Amino acid sequence: MGRLLALVMALVGVLAACSAHGNATDATGGDGYGFVQQSAGTDYVSVGNRHAAPRLSGKDLDGKPIDLASLRGKAVVVNFWASWCAPCRAESPGLAKLARQERSVAFLGVNEKDGTSSAKAFARDFDMPYPSVVDRLGTLAAGWPVAPGLPSTFVLDADGRIAARFTGGVLPEELAPVLTRLQAET
């Protein structure tokens, strides 16, 4: 009975790590980042309350260096994902399609705790048109406000400040209005 209970608790932990769309979010300030909840799983930060995104750099899936700071000057969608995460798999076709449509917006993936071959296969299978930083140990993710579960998506304004956060899978019809809103601010 003790082993069964331990197995059930481990399974609950694994499922909680890979969050589903619609889970409750912390809209009480987001660790000082000023998130204001828009709808289930979506937070938006008003211009005057935005904070700079944490430093994010490393190597992409092919081993080339990449740095989030190099994308300043345009809105950036930062998506935390893993090949083994079912909601990540569900949202990826829509993110890839939106990345192709929104040429004025940069997209950057952050691959969490994946093996190189699994991550590359995922990017190839979903035809991801944007690079992903490898975060094998989860240390890059830990620096973000309310450390993201998977999947999580942050939208940065042109100044590199966090403007929105989506917890759980995000659909293009949820993300596109936030990008339009950011473009209207400039």
Protein backbone atom coordinates (compact mmCIF):
# COMPACT_ATOMS: atom_id res chain seq x y z
CA MET A 1 0.00 0.00 0.00
CA GLY A 2 2.88 2.35 0.81
CA ARG A 3 4.41 1.83 -2.64
CA LEU A 4 1.08 2.49 -4.32
CA LEU A 5 0.69 5.75 -2.38
CA ALA A 6 4.24 6.78 -3.32
CA LEU A 7 3.53 6.00 -6.98
CA VAL A 8 0.31 8.03 -6.94
CA MET A 9 2.09 10.99 -5.31
CA ALA A 10 4.90 10.82 -7.89
CA LEU A 11 2.34 10.75 -10.72
CA VAL A 12 0.56 13.80 -9.27
CA GLY A 13 3.90 15.62 -9.18
CA VAL A 14 4.69 14.78 -12.79
CA LEU A 15 1.26 15.88 -13.98
CA ALA A 16 1.50 19.14 -12.04
CA ALA A 17 4.86 19.90 -13.69
CA CYS A 18 3.27 19.86 -17.12
CA SER A 19 0.45 22.33 -16.62
CA ALA A 20 -2.75 22.34 -18.61
CA HIS A 21 -4.47 25.37 -20.11
CA GLY A 22 -6.89 27.05 -17.76
CA ASN A 23 -5.11 26.43 -14.46
CA ALA A 24 -5.42 29.21 -11.93
CA THR A 25 -2.64 31.80 -12.01
CA ASP A 26 -1.17 34.08 -9.42
CA ALA A 27 -2.63 37.46 -10.34
CA THR A 28 -1.70 39.03 -7.01
CA GLY A 29 1.39 40.74 -8.28
CA GLY A 30 3.43 37.92 -9.80
CA ASP A 31 6.41 38.39 -7.51
CA GLY A 32 6.40 42.15 -8.10
CA TYR A 33 6.02 41.94 -11.87
CA GLY A 34 2.58 43.60 -11.80
CA PHE A 35 0.63 40.94 -13.67
CA VAL A 36 -3.08 41.69 -14.07
CA GLN A 37 -5.10 38.63 -14.96
CA GLN A 38 -6.94 38.97 -18.28
CA SER A 39 -8.60 35.55 -18.47
CA ALA A 40 -7.88 32.07 -17.24
CA GLY A 41 -4.19 31.45 -17.81
CA THR A 42 -3.36 34.89 -19.23
CA ASP A 43 -1.78 37.86 -17.48
CA TYR A 44 -1.06 41.30 -18.97
CA VAL A 45 1.14 44.01 -17.45
CA SER A 46 0.40 47.68 -18.07
CA VAL A 47 3.23 49.73 -19.58
CA GLY A 48 4.13 51.54 -16.36
CA ASN A 49 4.41 48.34 -14.32
CA ARG A 50 6.64 46.25 -16.58
CA HIS A 51 9.99 44.87 -15.49
CA ALA A 52 12.91 43.76 -17.60
CA ALA A 53 12.93 40.12 -18.59
CA PRO A 54 15.62 38.04 -16.92
CA ARG A 55 18.84 37.41 -18.82
CA LEU A 56 18.41 34.48 -21.17
CA SER A 57 21.26 33.15 -23.25
CA GLY A 58 22.83 29.87 -24.14
CA LYS A 59 23.17 27.54 -27.08
CA ASP A 60 20.44 26.64 -29.54
CA LEU A 61 19.58 23.09 -30.58
CA ASP A 62 22.50 23.11 -33.04
CA GLY A 63 24.99 24.39 -30.47
CA LYS A 64 25.09 27.99 -31.74
CA PRO A 65 25.07 30.84 -29.18
CA ILE A 66 21.85 32.79 -28.79
CA ASP A 67 20.95 35.71 -26.53
CA LEU A 68 17.51 37.16 -25.85
CA ALA A 69 19.03 40.66 -25.55
CA SER A 70 19.91 40.55 -29.26
CA LEU A 71 16.18 40.62 -30.08
CA ARG A 72 15.50 44.01 -28.48
CA GLY A 73 13.70 46.52 -30.63
CA LYS A 74 10.74 44.28 -31.42
CA ALA A 75 8.17 42.31 -29.47
CA VAL A 76 9.41 38.85 -28.51
CA VAL A 77 7.42 35.71 -27.70
CA VAL A 78 9.39 33.43 -25.35
CA ASN A 79 7.91 29.93 -25.13
CA PHE A 80 9.10 27.35 -22.57
CA TRP A 81 8.52 23.82 -23.90
CA ALA A 82 9.65 20.19 -23.79
CA SER A 83 9.16 17.34 -26.21
CA TRP A 84 7.63 15.13 -23.50
CA CYS A 85 4.98 17.71 -22.51
CA ALA A 86 1.56 16.97 -24.06
CA PRO A 87 0.24 20.58 -23.85
CA CYS A 88 3.51 21.75 -25.46
CA ARG A 89 2.87 19.38 -28.35
CA ALA A 90 -0.70 20.66 -28.65
CA GLU A 91 0.27 24.35 -28.81
CA SER A 92 3.29 24.04 -31.11
CA PRO A 93 1.53 23.97 -34.51
CA GLY A 94 -0.28 27.21 -33.67
CA LEU A 95 2.88 28.92 -32.41
CA ALA A 96 4.79 27.89 -35.54
CA LYS A 97 2.01 29.22 -37.76
CA LEU A 98 1.79 32.51 -35.84
CA ALA A 99 5.59 32.93 -35.97
CA ARG A 100 5.42 32.70 -39.76
CA GLN A 101 2.57 35.23 -39.95
CA GLU A 102 3.93 37.80 -37.47
CA ARG A 103 7.17 38.84 -39.17
CA SER A 104 7.53 41.94 -36.96
CA VAL A 105 7.64 39.75 -33.82
CA ALA A 106 10.57 37.56 -32.78
CA PHE A 107 9.91 34.10 -31.35
CA LEU A 108 12.32 32.23 -29.09
CA GLY A 109 11.79 28.79 -27.59
CA VAL A 110 13.35 27.54 -24.38
CA ASN A 111 13.70 23.77 -24.42
CA GLU A 112 13.44 22.38 -20.90
CA LYS A 113 15.14 19.25 -19.59
CA ASP A 114 15.18 17.41 -22.90
CA GLY A 115 17.73 15.26 -24.67
CA THR A 116 19.21 16.83 -27.79
CA SER A 117 17.79 14.27 -30.20
CA SER A 118 14.27 14.52 -28.69
CA ALA A 119 14.35 18.32 -28.82
CA LYS A 120 15.59 18.37 -32.42
CA ALA A 121 12.95 15.85 -33.48
CA PHE A 122 10.24 17.94 -31.83
CA ALA A 123 11.41 21.14 -33.57
CA ARG A 124 11.57 19.31 -36.90
CA ASP A 125 8.21 17.53 -36.49
CA PHE A 126 6.43 20.80 -35.65
CA ASP A 127 8.42 22.77 -38.26
CA MET A 128 9.38 25.43 -35.70
CA PRO A 129 10.60 28.46 -37.68
CA TYR A 130 12.37 29.98 -34.66
CA PRO A 131 15.35 28.98 -32.52
CA SER A 132 15.23 27.46 -29.06
CA VAL A 133 17.73 27.87 -26.23
CA VAL A 134 18.62 24.62 -24.48
CA ASP A 135 17.92 24.63 -20.72
CA ARG A 136 18.86 21.06 -19.74
CA LEU A 137 18.86 21.73 -15.98
CA GLY A 138 16.03 24.27 -15.79
CA THR A 139 18.33 27.02 -14.51
CA LEU A 140 17.24 29.55 -17.15
CA ALA A 141 13.55 28.97 -16.38
CA ALA A 142 14.17 29.42 -12.65
CA GLY A 143 15.09 33.07 -13.20
CA TRP A 144 11.69 34.02 -14.63
CA PRO A 145 8.86 35.41 -12.49
CA VAL A 146 6.70 32.70 -11.07
CA ALA A 147 9.03 30.02 -12.45
CA PRO A 148 7.20 28.72 -15.50
CA GLY A 149 5.56 25.34 -15.65
CA LEU A 150 5.32 23.76 -19.05
CA PRO A 151 4.26 25.13 -21.32
CA SER A 152 4.55 28.80 -20.42
CA THR A 153 4.79 31.75 -22.77
CA PHE A 154 5.99 35.27 -22.04
CA VAL A 155 5.57 38.23 -24.38
CA LEU A 156 8.16 40.99 -24.16
CA ASP A 157 7.74 44.53 -25.42
CA ALA A 158 10.32 46.16 -27.71
CA ASP A 159 12.28 47.33 -24.65
CA GLY A 160 12.71 43.76 -23.39
CA ARG A 161 10.17 44.10 -20.57
CA ILE A 162 7.60 41.43 -19.74
CA ALA A 163 4.22 42.54 -21.06
CA ALA A 164 2.22 39.31 -20.84
CA ARG A 165 2.36 35.77 -19.53
CA PHE A 166 0.38 32.72 -20.59
CA THR A 167 0.34 29.70 -18.31
CA GLY A 168 -0.47 26.40 -19.93
CA GLY A 169 -0.89 25.97 -23.66
CA VAL A 170 -1.58 29.10 -25.70
CA LEU A 171 -3.60 29.32 -28.89
CA PRO A 172 -2.88 31.79 -31.72
CA GLU A 173 -6.27 33.45 -31.15
CA GLU A 174 -5.22 34.18 -27.55
CA LEU A 175 -1.70 35.37 -28.38
CA ALA A 176 -2.45 37.47 -31.48
CA PRO A 177 -4.53 40.15 -29.64
CA VAL A 178 -1.67 40.65 -27.16
CA LEU A 179 0.76 41.16 -30.05
CA THR A 180 -1.66 43.62 -31.68
CA ARG A 181 -1.99 45.47 -28.37
CA LEU A 182 1.81 45.74 -28.07
CA GLN A 183 2.15 47.01 -31.63
CA ALA A 184 -0.45 49.69 -30.86
CA GLU A 185 1.65 50.91 -27.93
CA THR A 186 4.57 51.91 -30.18
